[in-house]
Amino acid sequence: MAVTAENDRPGADRSWNAAADRYTDPALSFRDYFGSRIIERLALRPGAHVLDACCGAGAVAIPAAAAVGRRGRVTAVDVADRLLREAIRRATEAHLSNITWKAADVDALPFGPSSFDAVVCAFGVYYSPDMKAATARLWEMVKPGGKLLIASWAERLFEPANEAFWQAVRSVRPSLYRPQNAWDSIEKPEALAEVLAAAGIPGGSVSEEPYEHPLLRPEDWWTIVLGSHYRATVEKLSPLERELVETLTIKPLAERRVEWINATALFATARK
């Protein structure tokens, strides 16, 4: 199967498309780390068909394609067409030809019930206005005997650098100071477990995977900012304001000699 891209949503998310220019920088290697860990947890069999919803630049889809082999298939979906183009580039470099890429929203996936042996939504389900409904739809697409895995962020993501960024934003443009995150409501294992239960998923479980992401130099934090959800805030700043926020963000990290930031994840899993 050739690597292809279909686009049925021309107005893909602007902030994630803007973040595409830094999204796969080595400073953001936590994405590939967790992509590999997710595939290890799924223990995919050769020939399996996998859905990667909210696939980004292929952190899950690419190792999934390698795991299922030539007889298997991966369908990878995201709203941001620039991220999909980056994913296709990476898959091509890895000589993988069993992935189909599609631009679509997680709330409007065009797949029927029992379509996949495994369904993954890594760090994206919380962008749905109704996580319970979105999770229920993903579960519906899992074949009997198949698996669902939803990954989310745990408490204190990217601290202490996260706080440095938001304090810098507040000092430069107070009106943009909104340190709340989309995943805050499910940053504890019991809260994510409640989403599974509310979606009608029996026997689901949630585990926490601690991870400290290396910050090789303070400037790498700004690369993470530009290649992540913070980009939506940065895009609202003027060029001068961006420069000020960058300086004020990096300075305290350099002074404190911060070398690690928290990137602990939660994995919710269920077998049908």
C-alpha atoms as a PDB file:
ATOM      1  CA  MET A   1       0.000   0.000   0.000  1.00  0.00           C
ATOM      2  CA  ALA A   2       1.440   3.352  -0.988  1.00  0.00           C
ATOM      3  CA  VAL A   3       1.857   6.146   1.515  1.00  0.00           C
ATOM      4  CA  THR A   4      -0.885   8.578   0.581  1.00  0.00           C
ATOM      5  CA  ALA A   5      -2.519  11.679   2.013  1.00  0.00           C
ATOM      6  CA  GLU A   6      -6.149  12.607   1.680  1.00  0.00           C
ATOM      7  CA  ASN A   7      -7.412  16.004   2.802  1.00  0.00           C
ATOM      8  CA  ASP A   8     -11.074  16.571   3.561  1.00  0.00           C
ATOM      9  CA  ARG A   9     -10.545  19.489   5.913  1.00  0.00           C
ATOM     10  CA  PRO A  10      -8.769  22.394   4.166  1.00  0.00           C
ATOM     11  CA  GLY A  11      -8.965  24.650   7.242  1.00  0.00           C
ATOM     12  CA  ALA A  12      -6.760  22.462   9.464  1.00  0.00           C
ATOM     13  CA  ASP A  13      -5.849  23.770  12.883  1.00  0.00           C
ATOM     14  CA  ARG A  14      -3.690  26.862  12.450  1.00  0.00           C
ATOM     15  CA  SER A  15      -1.680  26.673  15.630  1.00  0.00           C
ATOM     16  CA  TRP A  16      -0.605  23.068  15.055  1.00  0.00           C
ATOM     17  CA  ASN A  17       0.246  23.847  11.462  1.00  0.00           C
ATOM     18  CA  ALA A  18       2.378  26.738  12.734  1.00  0.00           C
ATOM     19  CA  ALA A  19       4.060  24.391  15.219  1.00  0.00           C
ATOM     20  CA  ALA A  20       4.991  21.992  12.414  1.00  0.00           C
ATOM     21  CA  ASP A  21       8.256  23.853  11.786  1.00  0.00           C
ATOM     22  CA  ARG A  22       9.584  22.715  15.192  1.00  0.00           C
ATOM     23  CA  TYR A  23       7.371  19.720  15.937  1.00  0.00           C
ATOM     24  CA  THR A  24       9.979  17.031  15.210  1.00  0.00           C
ATOM     25  CA  ASP A  25      13.050  18.905  16.435  1.00  0.00           C
ATOM     26  CA  PRO A  26      15.263  16.725  18.664  1.00  0.00           C
ATOM     27  CA  ALA A  27      14.349  18.985  21.598  1.00  0.00           C
ATOM     28  CA  LEU A  28      10.846  17.463  21.406  1.00  0.00           C
ATOM     29  CA  SER A  29      11.988  13.843  21.322  1.00  0.00           C
ATOM     30  CA  PHE A  30       9.505  12.981  24.093  1.00  0.00           C
ATOM     31  CA  ARG A  31       6.928  12.420  21.328  1.00  0.00           C
ATOM     32  CA  ASP A  32       8.910   9.641  19.673  1.00  0.00           C
ATOM     33  CA  TYR A  33       9.791   8.215  23.082  1.00  0.00           C
ATOM     34  CA  PHE A  34       6.143   7.819  24.024  1.00  0.00           C
ATOM     35  CA  GLY A  35       5.221   6.657  20.522  1.00  0.00           C
ATOM     36  CA  SER A  36       7.608   3.744  20.916  1.00  0.00           C
ATOM     37  CA  ARG A  37       6.379   3.016  24.444  1.00  0.00           C
ATOM     38  CA  ILE A  38       2.781   2.932  23.227  1.00  0.00           C
ATOM     39  CA  ILE A  39       3.605   0.373  20.542  1.00  0.00           C
ATOM     40  CA  GLU A  40       5.455  -1.738  23.106  1.00  0.00           C
ATOM     41  CA  ARG A  41       2.377  -1.711  25.325  1.00  0.00           C
ATOM     42  CA  LEU A  42       0.050  -2.692  22.475  1.00  0.00           C
ATOM     43  CA  ALA A  43       2.196  -5.690  21.462  1.00  0.00           C
ATOM     44  CA  LEU A  44       0.860  -5.518  17.921  1.00  0.00           C
ATOM     45  CA  ARG A  45       0.801  -8.657  15.827  1.00  0.00           C
ATOM     46  CA  PRO A  46       2.032  -8.788  12.216  1.00  0.00           C
ATOM     47  CA  GLY A  47      -0.858  -8.145   9.845  1.00  0.00           C
ATOM     48  CA  ALA A  48      -2.860  -6.021  12.285  1.00  0.00           C
ATOM     49  CA  HIS A  49      -4.785  -2.917  11.195  1.00  0.00           C
ATOM     50  CA  VAL A  50      -4.175   0.094  13.451  1.00  0.00           C
ATOM     51  CA  LEU A  51      -5.865   3.497  13.712  1.00  0.00           C
ATOM     52  CA  ASP A  52      -3.735   6.368  15.000  1.00  0.00           C
ATOM     53  CA  ALA A  53      -6.110   9.252  15.737  1.00  0.00           C
ATOM     54  CA  CYS A  54      -4.476  12.659  16.320  1.00  0.00           C
ATOM     55  CA  CYS A  55      -1.321  11.234  14.751  1.00  0.00           C
ATOM     56  CA  GLY A  56       0.748  14.437  14.599  1.00  0.00           C
ATOM     57  CA  ALA A  57       3.989  13.748  12.744  1.00  0.00           C
ATOM     58  CA  GLY A  58       3.783   9.980  13.086  1.00  0.00           C
ATOM     59  CA  ALA A  59       5.312   9.273  16.510  1.00  0.00           C
ATOM     60  CA  VAL A  60       2.902   6.341  16.941  1.00  0.00           C
ATOM     61  CA  ALA A  61       2.039   5.540  13.318  1.00  0.00           C
ATOM     62  CA  ILE A  62       5.630   4.974  12.193  1.00  0.00           C
ATOM     63  CA  PRO A  63       6.626   2.395  14.855  1.00  0.00           C
ATOM     64  CA  ALA A  64       3.152   0.847  14.487  1.00  0.00           C
ATOM     65  CA  ALA A  65       3.728   0.358  10.753  1.00  0.00           C
ATOM     66  CA  ALA A  66       7.063  -1.296  11.454  1.00  0.00           C
ATOM     67  CA  ALA A  67       5.457  -3.571  14.058  1.00  0.00           C
ATOM     68  CA  VAL A  68       2.562  -4.820  11.898  1.00  0.00           C
ATOM     69  CA  GLY A  69       4.780  -5.450   8.879  1.00  0.00           C
ATOM     70  CA  ARG A  70       3.949  -5.493   5.189  1.00  0.00           C
ATOM     71  CA  ARG A  71       0.768  -7.504   5.712  1.00  0.00           C
ATOM     72  CA  GLY A  72      -0.478  -4.967   8.253  1.00  0.00           C
ATOM     73  CA  ARG A  73      -1.896  -1.490   7.800  1.00  0.00           C
ATOM     74  CA  VAL A  74      -1.875   1.785   9.708  1.00  0.00           C
ATOM     75  CA  THR A  75      -4.410   4.545   9.167  1.00  0.00           C
ATOM     76  CA  ALA A  76      -3.180   7.836  10.621  1.00  0.00           C
ATOM     77  CA  VAL A  77      -5.410  10.874  11.044  1.00  0.00           C
ATOM     78  CA  ASP A  78      -4.807  14.471  12.109  1.00  0.00           C
ATOM     79  CA  VAL A  79      -6.359  17.902  11.520  1.00  0.00           C
ATOM     80  CA  ALA A  80      -3.069  19.617  10.647  1.00  0.00           C
ATOM     81  CA  ASP A  81      -2.018  19.052   7.054  1.00  0.00           C
ATOM     82  CA  ARG A  82       1.519  20.360   7.624  1.00  0.00           C
ATOM     83  CA  LEU A  83       2.045  17.789  10.351  1.00  0.00           C
ATOM     84  CA  LEU A  84       0.786  15.116   7.999  1.00  0.00           C
ATOM     85  CA  ARG A  85       3.284  16.204   5.362  1.00  0.00           C
ATOM     86  CA  GLU A  86       6.065  15.948   7.933  1.00  0.00           C
ATOM     87  CA  ALA A  87       4.794  12.512   8.930  1.00  0.00           C
ATOM     88  CA  ILE A  88       4.822  11.350   5.312  1.00  0.00           C
ATOM     89  CA  ARG A  89       8.402  12.575   4.941  1.00  0.00           C
ATOM     90  CA  ARG A  90       9.477  10.638   8.023  1.00  0.00           C
ATOM     91  CA  ALA A  91       7.654   7.476   6.938  1.00  0.00           C
ATOM     92  CA  THR A  92       9.239   7.686   3.498  1.00  0.00           C
ATOM     93  CA  GLU A  93      12.699   8.006   5.050  1.00  0.00           C
ATOM     94  CA  ALA A  94      11.911   4.897   7.106  1.00  0.00           C
ATOM     95  CA  HIS A  95      10.886   3.037   3.894  1.00  0.00           C
ATOM     96  CA  LEU A  96       7.397   2.330   5.233  1.00  0.00           C
ATOM     97  CA  SER A  97       4.674   1.887   2.624  1.00  0.00           C
ATOM     98  CA  ASN A  98       1.810   0.547   4.727  1.00  0.00           C
ATOM     99  CA  ILE A  99       0.449   3.829   6.130  1.00  0.00           C
ATOM    100  CA  THR A 100      -2.491   5.848   4.848  1.00  0.00           C
ATOM    101  CA  TRP A 101      -2.614   9.450   6.051  1.00  0.00           C
ATOM    102  CA  LYS A 102      -5.856  11.403   6.257  1.00  0.00           C
ATOM    103  CA  ALA A 103      -6.715  14.937   7.374  1.00  0.00           C
ATOM    104  CA  ALA A 104      -9.773  14.737   9.630  1.00  0.00           C
ATOM    105  CA  ASP A 105     -10.978  15.716  13.079  1.00  0.00           C
ATOM    106  CA  VAL A 106     -11.069  13.176  15.893  1.00  0.00           C
ATOM    107  CA  ASP A 107     -14.771  14.019  16.283  1.00  0.00           C
ATOM    108  CA  ALA A 108     -15.523  13.226  12.637  1.00  0.00           C
ATOM    109  CA  LEU A 109     -13.589  10.071  11.829  1.00  0.00           C
ATOM    110  CA  PRO A 110     -15.053   8.324   8.752  1.00  0.00           C
ATOM    111  CA  PHE A 111     -14.666   4.747   9.973  1.00  0.00           C
ATOM    112  CA  GLY A 112     -17.282   2.200  10.881  1.00  0.00           C
ATOM    113  CA  PRO A 113     -17.652  -0.079  13.902  1.00  0.00           C
ATOM    114  CA  SER A 114     -15.107  -2.860  14.421  1.00  0.00           C
ATOM    115  CA  SER A 115     -12.724  -1.486  11.774  1.00  0.00           C
ATOM    116  CA  PHE A 116      -9.385  -1.860  13.582  1.00  0.00           C
ATOM    117  CA  ASP A 117      -7.417  -4.358  15.631  1.00  0.00           C
ATOM    118  CA  ALA A 118      -6.001  -1.485  17.678  1.00  0.00           C
ATOM    119  CA  VAL A 119      -7.045   2.150  18.088  1.00  0.00           C
ATOM    120  CA  VAL A 120      -4.678   4.736  19.554  1.00  0.00           C
ATOM    121  CA  CYS A 121      -5.291   8.362  20.454  1.00  0.00           C
ATOM    122  CA  ALA A 122      -2.069   9.757  21.872  1.00  0.00           C
ATOM    123  CA  PHE A 123      -2.241  13.171  23.522  1.00  0.00           C
ATOM    124  CA  GLY A 124      -5.250  14.381  21.582  1.00  0.00           C
ATOM    125  CA  VAL A 125      -8.607  13.162  22.896  1.00  0.00           C
ATOM    126  CA  TYR A 126      -8.799  16.098  25.328  1.00  0.00           C
ATOM    127  CA  TYR A 127      -9.146  18.501  22.396  1.00  0.00           C
ATOM    128  CA  SER A 128     -12.610  17.091  21.749  1.00  0.00           C
ATOM    129  CA  PRO A 129     -15.400  19.170  23.329  1.00  0.00           C
ATOM    130  CA  ASP A 130     -16.886  15.893  24.578  1.00  0.00           C
ATOM    131  CA  MET A 131     -14.145  13.454  25.620  1.00  0.00           C
ATOM    132  CA  LYS A 132     -16.647  10.837  26.715  1.00  0.00           C
ATOM    133  CA  ALA A 133     -18.345  10.781  23.316  1.00  0.00           C
ATOM    134  CA  ALA A 134     -15.031  10.840  21.444  1.00  0.00           C
ATOM    135  CA  THR A 135     -13.707   7.941  23.535  1.00  0.00           C
ATOM    136  CA  ALA A 136     -16.908   5.974  22.974  1.00  0.00           C
ATOM    137  CA  ARG A 137     -16.576   6.437  19.203  1.00  0.00           C
ATOM    138  CA  LEU A 138     -12.964   5.266  19.267  1.00  0.00           C
ATOM    139  CA  TRP A 139     -13.985   2.215  21.287  1.00  0.00           C
ATOM    140  CA  GLU A 140     -16.709   1.413  18.766  1.00  0.00           C
ATOM    141  CA  MET A 141     -14.070   1.194  16.016  1.00  0.00           C
ATOM    142  CA  VAL A 142     -12.148  -1.534  17.874  1.00  0.00           C
ATOM    143  CA  LYS A 143     -12.728  -5.087  16.678  1.00  0.00           C
ATOM    144  CA  PRO A 144     -13.690  -7.787  19.194  1.00  0.00           C
ATOM    145  CA  GLY A 145     -10.449  -8.940  20.781  1.00  0.00           C
ATOM    146  CA  GLY A 146      -8.767  -5.655  19.842  1.00  0.00           C
ATOM    147  CA  LYS A 147      -7.276  -2.921  22.006  1.00  0.00           C
ATOM    148  CA  LEU A 148      -7.819   0.768  22.693  1.00  0.00           C
ATOM    149  CA  LEU A 149      -5.062   2.964  24.104  1.00  0.00           C
ATOM    150  CA  ILE A 150      -5.528   6.615  25.017  1.00  0.00           C
ATOM    151  CA  ALA A 151      -2.518   8.603  26.204  1.00  0.00           C
ATOM    152  CA  SER A 152      -2.692  11.879  28.096  1.00  0.00           C
ATOM    153  CA  TRP A 153      -0.410  14.061  30.162  1.00  0.00           C
ATOM    154  CA  ALA A 154      -0.154  13.782  33.928  1.00  0.00           C
ATOM    155  CA  GLU A 155       0.156  16.597  36.449  1.00  0.00           C
ATOM    156  CA  ARG A 156       2.855  19.259  36.247  1.00  0.00           C
ATOM    157  CA  LEU A 157       3.683  18.788  32.571  1.00  0.00           C
ATOM    158  CA  PHE A 158       6.992  20.427  31.598  1.00  0.00           C
ATOM    159  CA  GLU A 159       7.587  21.908  35.018  1.00  0.00           C
ATOM    160  CA  PRO A 160       9.494  23.948  36.006  1.00  0.00           C
ATOM    161  CA  ALA A 161       9.715  25.355  32.464  1.00  0.00           C
ATOM    162  CA  ASN A 162       5.941  25.586  32.021  1.00  0.00           C
ATOM    163  CA  GLU A 163       5.673  28.090  34.868  1.00  0.00           C
ATOM    164  CA  ALA A 164       8.560  30.135  33.441  1.00  0.00           C
ATOM    165  CA  PHE A 165       6.721  30.484  30.131  1.00  0.00           C
ATOM    166  CA  TRP A 166       3.410  31.572  31.612  1.00  0.00           C
ATOM    167  CA  GLN A 167       4.999  34.046  33.989  1.00  0.00           C
ATOM    168  CA  ALA A 168       6.812  35.584  31.017  1.00  0.00           C
ATOM    169  CA  VAL A 169       3.560  35.821  29.071  1.00  0.00           C
ATOM    170  CA  ARG A 170       1.808  37.452  32.023  1.00  0.00           C
ATOM    171  CA  SER A 171       4.529  40.095  32.351  1.00  0.00           C
ATOM    172  CA  VAL A 172       4.474  40.968  28.632  1.00  0.00           C
ATOM    173  CA  ARG A 173       0.803  40.479  27.658  1.00  0.00           C
ATOM    174  CA  PRO A 174      -1.378  39.792  30.729  1.00  0.00           C
ATOM    175  CA  SER A 175      -4.484  39.201  28.629  1.00  0.00           C
ATOM    176  CA  LEU A 176      -2.911  36.020  27.177  1.00  0.00           C
ATOM    177  CA  TYR A 177      -2.085  34.518  30.570  1.00  0.00           C
ATOM    178  CA  ARG A 178      -4.076  31.283  30.561  1.00  0.00           C
ATOM    179  CA  PRO A 179      -1.992  28.498  32.098  1.00  0.00           C
ATOM    180  CA  GLN A 180      -4.891  26.028  32.014  1.00  0.00           C
ATOM    181  CA  ASN A 181      -4.455  23.123  29.626  1.00  0.00           C
ATOM    182  CA  ALA A 182      -6.925  21.045  27.656  1.00  0.00           C
ATOM    183  CA  TRP A 183      -5.906  17.895  29.564  1.00  0.00           C
ATOM    184  CA  ASP A 184      -6.164  19.376  33.064  1.00  0.00           C
ATOM    185  CA  SER A 185      -9.447  17.595  33.752  1.00  0.00           C
ATOM    186  CA  ILE A 186      -7.850  14.173  33.131  1.00  0.00           C
ATOM    187  CA  GLU A 187      -4.338  14.723  34.491  1.00  0.00           C
ATOM    188  CA  LYS A 188      -4.956  12.265  37.346  1.00  0.00           C
ATOM    189  CA  PRO A 189      -5.327   8.512  36.705  1.00  0.00           C
ATOM    190  CA  GLU A 190      -8.717   8.308  38.395  1.00  0.00           C
ATOM    191  CA  ALA A 191     -10.085  11.124  36.217  1.00  0.00           C
ATOM    192  CA  LEU A 192      -8.985   9.406  33.002  1.00  0.00           C
ATOM    193  CA  ALA A 193     -10.444   6.133  34.289  1.00  0.00           C
ATOM    194  CA  GLU A 194     -13.762   7.932  34.786  1.00  0.00           C
ATOM    195  CA  VAL A 195     -13.749   8.935  31.114  1.00  0.00           C
ATOM    196  CA  LEU A 196     -13.388   5.275  30.107  1.00  0.00           C
ATOM    197  CA  ALA A 197     -16.213   4.266  32.416  1.00  0.00           C
ATOM    198  CA  ALA A 198     -18.465   7.095  31.197  1.00  0.00           C
ATOM    199  CA  ALA A 199     -17.791   5.992  27.604  1.00  0.00           C
ATOM    200  CA  GLY A 200     -19.138   2.544  28.461  1.00  0.00           C
ATOM    201  CA  ILE A 201     -15.783   0.786  28.274  1.00  0.00           C
ATOM    202  CA  PRO A 202     -15.612  -2.208  30.665  1.00  0.00           C
ATOM    203  CA  GLY A 203     -12.414  -3.455  32.218  1.00  0.00           C
ATOM    204  CA  GLY A 204     -10.278  -0.461  31.304  1.00  0.00           C
ATOM    205  CA  SER A 205      -7.212   0.460  33.319  1.00  0.00           C
ATOM    206  CA  VAL A 206      -4.967   3.511  33.661  1.00  0.00           C
ATOM    207  CA  SER A 207      -1.263   3.462  34.421  1.00  0.00           C
ATOM    208  CA  GLU A 208       1.194   6.279  34.969  1.00  0.00           C
ATOM    209  CA  GLU A 209       4.600   6.349  33.302  1.00  0.00           C
ATOM    210  CA  PRO A 210       7.013   8.803  34.931  1.00  0.00           C
ATOM    211  CA  TYR A 211       9.406  10.459  32.521  1.00  0.00           C
ATOM    212  CA  GLU A 212      11.895  13.291  32.881  1.00  0.00           C
ATOM    213  CA  HIS A 213      12.713  14.893  29.555  1.00  0.00           C
ATOM    214  CA  PRO A 214      16.278  16.211  29.213  1.00  0.00           C
ATOM    215  CA  LEU A 215      16.771  19.916  28.600  1.00  0.00           C
ATOM    216  CA  LEU A 216      20.250  19.997  27.112  1.00  0.00           C
ATOM    217  CA  ARG A 217      20.348  23.782  27.153  1.00  0.00           C
ATOM    218  CA  PRO A 218      17.847  26.445  28.290  1.00  0.00           C
ATOM    219  CA  GLU A 219      17.236  27.560  24.692  1.00  0.00           C
ATOM    220  CA  ASP A 220      15.811  24.118  23.896  1.00  0.00           C
ATOM    221  CA  TRP A 221      12.796  25.019  26.001  1.00  0.00           C
ATOM    222  CA  TRP A 222      11.877  27.769  23.553  1.00  0.00           C
ATOM    223  CA  THR A 223      12.075  25.212  20.732  1.00  0.00           C
ATOM    224  CA  ILE A 224       9.611  23.073  22.685  1.00  0.00           C
ATOM    225  CA  VAL A 225       7.363  26.110  23.098  1.00  0.00           C
ATOM    226  CA  LEU A 226       7.334  26.726  19.338  1.00  0.00           C
ATOM    227  CA  GLY A 227       6.715  23.066  18.525  1.00  0.00           C
ATOM    228  CA  SER A 228       3.907  22.426  21.005  1.00  0.00           C
ATOM    229  CA  HIS A 229       0.538  23.661  22.274  1.00  0.00           C
ATOM    230  CA  TYR A 230       2.179  26.871  23.532  1.00  0.00           C
ATOM    231  CA  ARG A 231       2.510  27.969  19.897  1.00  0.00           C
ATOM    232  CA  ALA A 232      -1.130  29.096  19.875  1.00  0.00           C
ATOM    233  CA  THR A 233      -0.245  31.738  22.483  1.00  0.00           C
ATOM    234  CA  VAL A 234       3.029  32.721  20.818  1.00  0.00           C
ATOM    235  CA  GLU A 235       1.227  33.321  17.515  1.00  0.00           C
ATOM    236  CA  LYS A 236      -0.832  36.057  19.198  1.00  0.00           C
ATOM    237  CA  LEU A 237       2.265  38.021  20.263  1.00  0.00           C
ATOM    238  CA  SER A 238       3.880  40.764  18.210  1.00  0.00           C
ATOM    239  CA  PRO A 239       7.492  40.170  17.067  1.00  0.00           C
ATOM    240  CA  LEU A 240       8.793  42.393  19.871  1.00  0.00           C
ATOM    241  CA  GLU A 241       6.593  40.661  22.453  1.00  0.00           C
ATOM    242  CA  ARG A 242       7.801  37.261  21.269  1.00  0.00           C
ATOM    243  CA  GLU A 243      11.385  38.312  21.751  1.00  0.00           C
ATOM    244  CA  LEU A 244      10.654  39.544  25.254  1.00  0.00           C
ATOM    245  CA  VAL A 245       8.744  36.423  26.231  1.00  0.00           C
ATOM    246  CA  GLU A 246      11.529  34.223  24.892  1.00  0.00           C
ATOM    247  CA  THR A 247      14.141  36.115  26.920  1.00  0.00           C
ATOM    248  CA  LEU A 248      12.058  36.104  30.091  1.00  0.00           C
ATOM    249  CA  THR A 249      11.282  32.400  29.665  1.00  0.00           C
ATOM    250  CA  ILE A 250      14.853  31.237  29.170  1.00  0.00           C
ATOM    251  CA  LYS A 251      16.506  33.450  31.797  1.00  0.00           C
ATOM    252  CA  PRO A 252      15.163  31.736  34.964  1.00  0.00           C
ATOM    253  CA  LEU A 253      15.897  28.283  33.517  1.00  0.00           C
ATOM    254  CA  ALA A 254      19.498  29.296  32.852  1.00  0.00           C
ATOM    255  CA  GLU A 255      19.846  30.828  36.305  1.00  0.00           C
ATOM    256  CA  ARG A 256      18.492  27.711  37.978  1.00  0.00           C
ATOM    257  CA  ARG A 257      20.448  25.419  35.648  1.00  0.00           C
ATOM    258  CA  VAL A 258      17.370  23.384  34.834  1.00  0.00           C
ATOM    259  CA  GLU A 259      18.391  20.194  33.017  1.00  0.00           C
ATOM    260  CA  TRP A 260      15.201  18.140  33.201  1.00  0.00           C
ATOM    261  CA  ILE A 261      11.500  18.837  32.795  1.00  0.00           C
ATOM    262  CA  ASN A 262       8.617  16.621  33.830  1.00  0.00           C
ATOM    263  CA  ALA A 263       6.829  14.785  31.008  1.00  0.00           C
ATOM    264  CA  THR A 264       4.965  12.058  32.879  1.00  0.00           C
ATOM    265  CA  ALA A 265       2.214  10.399  30.843  1.00  0.00           C
ATOM    266  CA  LEU A 266      -0.953   8.435  31.545  1.00  0.00           C
ATOM    267  CA  PHE A 267      -1.947   5.398  29.494  1.00  0.00           C
ATOM    268  CA  ALA A 268      -5.572   4.252  29.497  1.00  0.00           C
ATOM    269  CA  THR A 269      -5.997   0.817  27.938  1.00  0.00           C
ATOM    270  CA  ALA A 270      -8.851  -1.612  27.314  1.00  0.00           C
ATOM    271  CA  ARG A 271      -9.364  -4.831  25.390  1.00  0.00           C
ATOM    272  CA  LYS A 272     -12.716  -5.560  23.737  1.00  0.00           C
END
